[in-house]
């Protein structure tokens, strides 16, 4: 992957972290452009030229503007060959995990964290989102029983995607220890070469590739 990468995102964004973590685990340097969501920079005409959806992250690589974090993970796996499926069946299983995360895990975890940090909606709304998050964590915990990683014996973008969803779970007042299989897997992911926590990986300012 010789062409330089530029990642546009926010240090608060779990989707941005997913992509940044993938780049870090692959050992790929990248320029970083901080997008201040609080100032609406993701809705400016300039940013919308990069991402028509007005969301972070955006990865610019080899003349392509890429958006949607799970799609970017698939792209990076394809162009680098790292954390990629080895078989057609693995490809399908990885996609199933990514689509499940987007549907079942991310909404509950992400919105509960948002409500805890930035907003206080009606208590019934909080309870509903927390219930959904804990249901997703329960599924993940059960599926990790006796497994090292989500698909096969090595980490793939399925693991990176789901791990990126959970990375800020403590900010939503979720206790990782309540899901022991998730905790063991979390520790295994955190030990991968190149792993970097989110607030170390993503600054609050623009940064050139190291």
C-alpha atoms as a PDB file:
ATOM      1  CA  UNK A   1       0.000   0.000   0.000  1.00  0.00           C
ATOM      2  CA  UNK A   2       2.567   2.600  -1.122  1.00  0.00           C
ATOM      3  CA  UNK A   3       0.249   5.611  -1.508  1.00  0.00           C
ATOM      4  CA  UNK A   4      -0.053   7.942   1.476  1.00  0.00           C
ATOM      5  CA  UNK A   5      -3.205   7.921   3.587  1.00  0.00           C
ATOM      6  CA  UNK A   6      -5.033  10.831   5.170  1.00  0.00           C
ATOM      7  CA  UNK A   7      -7.588  10.114   7.878  1.00  0.00           C
ATOM      8  CA  UNK A   8     -10.217  12.734   8.652  1.00  0.00           C
ATOM      9  CA  UNK A   9     -11.963  12.234  11.965  1.00  0.00           C
ATOM     10  CA  UNK A  10     -12.554  13.094  15.586  1.00  0.00           C
ATOM     11  CA  UNK A  11     -10.758  11.864  18.671  1.00  0.00           C
ATOM     12  CA  UNK A  12     -14.184  11.227  20.249  1.00  0.00           C
ATOM     13  CA  UNK A  13     -15.416   9.057  17.382  1.00  0.00           C
ATOM     14  CA  UNK A  14     -15.436   5.274  17.742  1.00  0.00           C
ATOM     15  CA  UNK A  15     -15.771   4.826  13.953  1.00  0.00           C
ATOM     16  CA  UNK A  16     -12.696   7.026  13.446  1.00  0.00           C
ATOM     17  CA  UNK A  17     -10.838   4.939  16.001  1.00  0.00           C
ATOM     18  CA  UNK A  18     -11.697   1.708  14.168  1.00  0.00           C
ATOM     19  CA  UNK A  19      -9.968   2.968  11.055  1.00  0.00           C
ATOM     20  CA  UNK A  20      -7.047   4.492  12.932  1.00  0.00           C
ATOM     21  CA  UNK A  21      -6.544   1.252  14.840  1.00  0.00           C
ATOM     22  CA  UNK A  22      -6.533  -0.755  11.623  1.00  0.00           C
ATOM     23  CA  UNK A  23      -3.878   1.539  10.180  1.00  0.00           C
ATOM     24  CA  UNK A  24      -1.817   1.298  13.372  1.00  0.00           C
ATOM     25  CA  UNK A  25      -2.060  -2.500  13.549  1.00  0.00           C
ATOM     26  CA  UNK A  26      -1.024  -2.704   9.890  1.00  0.00           C
ATOM     27  CA  UNK A  27       1.942  -0.433  10.587  1.00  0.00           C
ATOM     28  CA  UNK A  28       0.726   2.156   8.082  1.00  0.00           C
ATOM     29  CA  UNK A  29       1.611   5.805   8.761  1.00  0.00           C
ATOM     30  CA  UNK A  30      -1.132   8.300   8.030  1.00  0.00           C
ATOM     31  CA  UNK A  31      -1.717  12.026   8.061  1.00  0.00           C
ATOM     32  CA  UNK A  32      -4.515  12.980  10.411  1.00  0.00           C
ATOM     33  CA  UNK A  33      -6.991  15.836   9.944  1.00  0.00           C
ATOM     34  CA  UNK A  34      -9.055  16.713  12.984  1.00  0.00           C
ATOM     35  CA  UNK A  35     -12.707  17.487  12.197  1.00  0.00           C
ATOM     36  CA  UNK A  36     -14.334  19.551  14.955  1.00  0.00           C
ATOM     37  CA  UNK A  37     -17.833  18.113  15.173  1.00  0.00           C
ATOM     38  CA  UNK A  38     -18.896  20.635  17.814  1.00  0.00           C
ATOM     39  CA  UNK A  39     -18.326  23.421  15.267  1.00  0.00           C
ATOM     40  CA  UNK A  40     -20.133  21.568  12.506  1.00  0.00           C
ATOM     41  CA  UNK A  41     -17.046  21.123  10.362  1.00  0.00           C
ATOM     42  CA  UNK A  42     -18.426  17.805   9.117  1.00  0.00           C
ATOM     43  CA  UNK A  43     -21.341  19.658   7.514  1.00  0.00           C
ATOM     44  CA  UNK A  44     -19.330  22.230   5.587  1.00  0.00           C
ATOM     45  CA  UNK A  45     -19.324  22.244   1.794  1.00  0.00           C
ATOM     46  CA  UNK A  46     -15.629  21.402   1.819  1.00  0.00           C
ATOM     47  CA  UNK A  47     -16.099  18.316   3.960  1.00  0.00           C
ATOM     48  CA  UNK A  48     -19.196  17.190   2.068  1.00  0.00           C
ATOM     49  CA  UNK A  49     -17.027  16.981  -1.032  1.00  0.00           C
ATOM     50  CA  UNK A  50     -15.058  14.294   0.808  1.00  0.00           C
ATOM     51  CA  UNK A  51     -18.059  12.499   2.312  1.00  0.00           C
ATOM     52  CA  UNK A  52     -21.547  13.101   0.970  1.00  0.00           C
ATOM     53  CA  UNK A  53     -23.022  11.780   4.250  1.00  0.00           C
ATOM     54  CA  UNK A  54     -21.359  14.457   6.375  1.00  0.00           C
ATOM     55  CA  UNK A  55     -19.870  11.979   8.845  1.00  0.00           C
ATOM     56  CA  UNK A  56     -16.459  10.962  10.121  1.00  0.00           C
ATOM     57  CA  UNK A  57     -14.299   9.146   9.355  1.00  0.00           C
ATOM     58  CA  UNK A  58     -13.057   9.686   5.831  1.00  0.00           C
ATOM     59  CA  UNK A  59      -9.945   7.963   4.538  1.00  0.00           C
ATOM     60  CA  UNK A  60      -8.296   9.443   1.458  1.00  0.00           C
ATOM     61  CA  UNK A  61      -6.023   6.967  -0.293  1.00  0.00           C
ATOM     62  CA  UNK A  62      -4.688   6.761  -3.825  1.00  0.00           C
ATOM     63  CA  UNK A  63      -7.180   9.313  -5.148  1.00  0.00           C
ATOM     64  CA  UNK A  64     -10.169   7.695  -3.425  1.00  0.00           C
ATOM     65  CA  UNK A  65     -12.335   9.287  -0.760  1.00  0.00           C
ATOM     66  CA  UNK A  66     -13.587   6.421   1.395  1.00  0.00           C
ATOM     67  CA  UNK A  67     -16.303   6.624   4.032  1.00  0.00           C
ATOM     68  CA  UNK A  68     -18.182   4.365   6.461  1.00  0.00           C
ATOM     69  CA  UNK A  69     -15.756   2.748   8.881  1.00  0.00           C
ATOM     70  CA  UNK A  70     -16.685  -0.882   8.269  1.00  0.00           C
ATOM     71  CA  UNK A  71     -16.415  -0.412   4.507  1.00  0.00           C
ATOM     72  CA  UNK A  72     -13.014   1.230   5.029  1.00  0.00           C
ATOM     73  CA  UNK A  73     -11.874  -1.763   7.095  1.00  0.00           C
ATOM     74  CA  UNK A  74     -12.831  -4.065   4.223  1.00  0.00           C
ATOM     75  CA  UNK A  75     -10.959  -1.861   1.778  1.00  0.00           C
ATOM     76  CA  UNK A  76      -7.813  -1.789   3.899  1.00  0.00           C
ATOM     77  CA  UNK A  77      -7.917  -5.555   4.375  1.00  0.00           C
ATOM     78  CA  UNK A  78      -8.166  -6.007   0.613  1.00  0.00           C
ATOM     79  CA  UNK A  79      -5.321  -3.650  -0.320  1.00  0.00           C
ATOM     80  CA  UNK A  80      -2.953  -4.724   2.471  1.00  0.00           C
ATOM     81  CA  UNK A  81      -3.869  -8.396   2.812  1.00  0.00           C
ATOM     82  CA  UNK A  82      -3.810  -7.943   6.603  1.00  0.00           C
ATOM     83  CA  UNK A  83      -6.618  -8.955   8.948  1.00  0.00           C
ATOM     84  CA  UNK A  84      -8.353 -10.216   5.816  1.00  0.00           C
ATOM     85  CA  UNK A  85     -10.384 -13.389   5.259  1.00  0.00           C
ATOM     86  CA  UNK A  86      -8.479 -16.429   4.067  1.00  0.00           C
ATOM     87  CA  UNK A  87     -11.489 -18.155   2.502  1.00  0.00           C
ATOM     88  CA  UNK A  88     -14.870 -17.274   1.049  1.00  0.00           C
ATOM     89  CA  UNK A  89     -16.524 -18.646   4.175  1.00  0.00           C
ATOM     90  CA  UNK A  90     -14.368 -16.416   6.393  1.00  0.00           C
ATOM     91  CA  UNK A  91     -15.270 -13.421   4.241  1.00  0.00           C
ATOM     92  CA  UNK A  92     -18.935 -14.151   4.795  1.00  0.00           C
ATOM     93  CA  UNK A  93     -18.535 -14.669   8.548  1.00  0.00           C
ATOM     94  CA  UNK A  94     -16.589 -11.409   8.873  1.00  0.00           C
ATOM     95  CA  UNK A  95     -19.275  -9.488   7.022  1.00  0.00           C
ATOM     96  CA  UNK A  96     -21.930 -11.039   9.224  1.00  0.00           C
ATOM     97  CA  UNK A  97     -20.125  -9.735  12.297  1.00  0.00           C
ATOM     98  CA  UNK A  98     -19.685  -6.258  10.844  1.00  0.00           C
ATOM     99  CA  UNK A  99     -23.324  -5.987   9.804  1.00  0.00           C
ATOM    100  CA  UNK A 100     -24.445  -7.355  13.177  1.00  0.00           C
ATOM    101  CA  UNK A 101     -22.312  -4.786  14.965  1.00  0.00           C
ATOM    102  CA  UNK A 102     -23.812  -1.944  12.946  1.00  0.00           C
ATOM    103  CA  UNK A 103     -27.320  -3.223  13.647  1.00  0.00           C
ATOM    104  CA  UNK A 104     -27.113  -4.511  17.214  1.00  0.00           C
ATOM    105  CA  UNK A 105     -23.936  -3.560  19.073  1.00  0.00           C
ATOM    106  CA  UNK A 106     -22.958  -0.044  17.982  1.00  0.00           C
ATOM    107  CA  UNK A 107     -26.337   1.691  18.476  1.00  0.00           C
ATOM    108  CA  UNK A 108     -26.740   0.693  22.119  1.00  0.00           C
ATOM    109  CA  UNK A 109     -23.108   1.182  23.131  1.00  0.00           C
ATOM    110  CA  UNK A 110     -22.605   4.411  21.221  1.00  0.00           C
ATOM    111  CA  UNK A 111     -25.831   6.108  22.233  1.00  0.00           C
ATOM    112  CA  UNK A 112     -25.544   5.117  25.877  1.00  0.00           C
ATOM    113  CA  UNK A 113     -22.029   6.573  25.938  1.00  0.00           C
ATOM    114  CA  UNK A 114     -23.309   9.746  24.222  1.00  0.00           C
ATOM    115  CA  UNK A 115     -26.123  10.137  26.733  1.00  0.00           C
ATOM    116  CA  UNK A 116     -23.762   9.633  29.673  1.00  0.00           C
ATOM    117  CA  UNK A 117     -21.175  12.116  28.389  1.00  0.00           C
ATOM    118  CA  UNK A 118     -23.060  14.740  26.451  1.00  0.00           C
ATOM    119  CA  UNK A 119     -26.824  14.597  27.038  1.00  0.00           C
ATOM    120  CA  UNK A 120     -29.412  13.471  29.567  1.00  0.00           C
ATOM    121  CA  UNK A 121     -32.595  12.267  27.851  1.00  0.00           C
ATOM    122  CA  UNK A 122     -35.633  10.793  29.528  1.00  0.00           C
ATOM    123  CA  UNK A 123     -34.702   7.947  31.868  1.00  0.00           C
ATOM    124  CA  UNK A 124     -36.802   5.509  29.848  1.00  0.00           C
ATOM    125  CA  UNK A 125     -34.731   6.286  26.748  1.00  0.00           C
ATOM    126  CA  UNK A 126     -31.522   5.714  28.705  1.00  0.00           C
ATOM    127  CA  UNK A 127     -32.809   2.413  30.056  1.00  0.00           C
ATOM    128  CA  UNK A 128     -33.880   1.255  26.600  1.00  0.00           C
ATOM    129  CA  UNK A 129     -30.514   1.996  25.006  1.00  0.00           C
ATOM    130  CA  UNK A 130     -28.607   0.417  27.905  1.00  0.00           C
ATOM    131  CA  UNK A 131     -30.780  -2.696  27.668  1.00  0.00           C
ATOM    132  CA  UNK A 132     -29.984  -2.964  23.944  1.00  0.00           C
ATOM    133  CA  UNK A 133     -26.280  -2.495  24.599  1.00  0.00           C
ATOM    134  CA  UNK A 134     -26.201  -5.155  27.285  1.00  0.00           C
ATOM    135  CA  UNK A 135     -28.100  -7.551  25.022  1.00  0.00           C
ATOM    136  CA  UNK A 136     -25.432  -7.051  22.353  1.00  0.00           C
ATOM    137  CA  UNK A 137     -22.665  -7.570  24.880  1.00  0.00           C
ATOM    138  CA  UNK A 138     -24.366 -10.761  25.997  1.00  0.00           C
ATOM    139  CA  UNK A 139     -24.404 -12.109  22.455  1.00  0.00           C
ATOM    140  CA  UNK A 140     -20.758 -11.182  21.950  1.00  0.00           C
ATOM    141  CA  UNK A 141     -19.778 -12.781  25.250  1.00  0.00           C
ATOM    142  CA  UNK A 142     -21.590 -16.011  24.369  1.00  0.00           C
ATOM    143  CA  UNK A 143     -20.080 -16.183  20.895  1.00  0.00           C
ATOM    144  CA  UNK A 144     -16.568 -15.743  22.276  1.00  0.00           C
ATOM    145  CA  UNK A 145     -16.875 -18.752  24.562  1.00  0.00           C
ATOM    146  CA  UNK A 146     -13.890 -20.995  23.831  1.00  0.00           C
ATOM    147  CA  UNK A 147     -12.671 -18.744  20.998  1.00  0.00           C
ATOM    148  CA  UNK A 148      -9.558 -16.635  20.623  1.00  0.00           C
ATOM    149  CA  UNK A 149     -11.081 -14.353  17.999  1.00  0.00           C
ATOM    150  CA  UNK A 150     -14.433 -13.897  16.293  1.00  0.00           C
ATOM    151  CA  UNK A 151     -13.546 -15.685  13.052  1.00  0.00           C
ATOM    152  CA  UNK A 152     -10.896 -18.384  13.123  1.00  0.00           C
ATOM    153  CA  UNK A 153      -7.707 -18.443  15.159  1.00  0.00           C
ATOM    154  CA  UNK A 154      -6.329 -15.061  14.187  1.00  0.00           C
ATOM    155  CA  UNK A 155      -7.653 -11.508  14.400  1.00  0.00           C
ATOM    156  CA  UNK A 156      -9.560 -10.099  11.438  1.00  0.00           C
ATOM    157  CA  UNK A 157     -11.391  -6.888  10.679  1.00  0.00           C
ATOM    158  CA  UNK A 158     -14.389  -8.444  12.445  1.00  0.00           C
ATOM    159  CA  UNK A 159     -12.440  -8.152  15.697  1.00  0.00           C
ATOM    160  CA  UNK A 160     -11.151  -4.669  14.890  1.00  0.00           C
ATOM    161  CA  UNK A 161     -14.660  -3.493  14.034  1.00  0.00           C
ATOM    162  CA  UNK A 162     -16.314  -4.822  17.186  1.00  0.00           C
ATOM    163  CA  UNK A 163     -13.402  -3.804  19.401  1.00  0.00           C
ATOM    164  CA  UNK A 164     -13.676  -0.267  18.061  1.00  0.00           C
ATOM    165  CA  UNK A 165     -17.319  -0.234  19.081  1.00  0.00           C
ATOM    166  CA  UNK A 166     -16.482  -1.207  22.655  1.00  0.00           C
ATOM    167  CA  UNK A 167     -13.375   0.917  23.138  1.00  0.00           C
ATOM    168  CA  UNK A 168     -15.260   3.709  24.944  1.00  0.00           C
ATOM    169  CA  UNK A 169     -17.666   1.433  26.832  1.00  0.00           C
ATOM    170  CA  UNK A 170     -16.410   2.607  30.241  1.00  0.00           C
ATOM    171  CA  UNK A 171     -17.636   6.095  29.311  1.00  0.00           C
ATOM    172  CA  UNK A 172     -21.098   4.574  29.050  1.00  0.00           C
ATOM    173  CA  UNK A 173     -20.693   3.055  32.536  1.00  0.00           C
ATOM    174  CA  UNK A 174     -20.372  -0.505  31.292  1.00  0.00           C
ATOM    175  CA  UNK A 175     -18.173  -2.749  33.430  1.00  0.00           C
ATOM    176  CA  UNK A 176     -16.057  -4.931  31.150  1.00  0.00           C
ATOM    177  CA  UNK A 177     -15.613  -7.517  33.904  1.00  0.00           C
ATOM    178  CA  UNK A 178     -19.332  -8.359  33.676  1.00  0.00           C
ATOM    179  CA  UNK A 179     -18.617 -10.094  30.359  1.00  0.00           C
ATOM    180  CA  UNK A 180     -15.599 -12.336  31.064  1.00  0.00           C
ATOM    181  CA  UNK A 181     -15.190 -13.746  27.556  1.00  0.00           C
ATOM    182  CA  UNK A 182     -15.279 -10.230  26.133  1.00  0.00           C
ATOM    183  CA  UNK A 183     -12.696  -9.195  28.740  1.00  0.00           C
ATOM    184  CA  UNK A 184     -10.319 -12.017  27.728  1.00  0.00           C
ATOM    185  CA  UNK A 185     -10.720 -11.134  24.055  1.00  0.00           C
ATOM    186  CA  UNK A 186     -10.252  -7.422  24.853  1.00  0.00           C
ATOM    187  CA  UNK A 187      -6.954  -8.209  26.572  1.00  0.00           C
ATOM    188  CA  UNK A 188      -5.865 -10.275  23.584  1.00  0.00           C
ATOM    189  CA  UNK A 189      -6.688  -7.451  21.165  1.00  0.00           C
ATOM    190  CA  UNK A 190      -4.917  -4.895  23.349  1.00  0.00           C
ATOM    191  CA  UNK A 191      -1.757  -7.002  23.225  1.00  0.00           C
ATOM    192  CA  UNK A 192      -1.503  -6.968  19.407  1.00  0.00           C
ATOM    193  CA  UNK A 193       1.633  -5.278  18.026  1.00  0.00           C
ATOM    194  CA  UNK A 194       0.823  -1.702  17.094  1.00  0.00           C
ATOM    195  CA  UNK A 195      -2.169  -1.400  19.404  1.00  0.00           C
ATOM    196  CA  UNK A 196      -2.710   2.167  20.592  1.00  0.00           C
ATOM    197  CA  UNK A 197      -5.540   3.457  22.838  1.00  0.00           C
ATOM    198  CA  UNK A 198      -7.909   5.957  21.231  1.00  0.00           C
ATOM    199  CA  UNK A 199      -6.859   9.173  22.941  1.00  0.00           C
ATOM    200  CA  UNK A 200      -3.217   8.399  22.198  1.00  0.00           C
ATOM    201  CA  UNK A 201      -3.885   7.447  18.593  1.00  0.00           C
ATOM    202  CA  UNK A 202      -6.221  10.319  17.651  1.00  0.00           C
ATOM    203  CA  UNK A 203      -5.184  13.861  18.621  1.00  0.00           C
ATOM    204  CA  UNK A 204      -7.328  16.981  18.937  1.00  0.00           C
ATOM    205  CA  UNK A 205      -5.376  18.611  16.135  1.00  0.00           C
ATOM    206  CA  UNK A 206      -3.996  17.907  12.674  1.00  0.00           C
ATOM    207  CA  UNK A 207      -0.930  15.693  12.643  1.00  0.00           C
ATOM    208  CA  UNK A 208       1.423  14.609   9.880  1.00  0.00           C
ATOM    209  CA  UNK A 209       2.408  10.967   9.509  1.00  0.00           C
ATOM    210  CA  UNK A 210       5.253   9.970  11.771  1.00  0.00           C
END
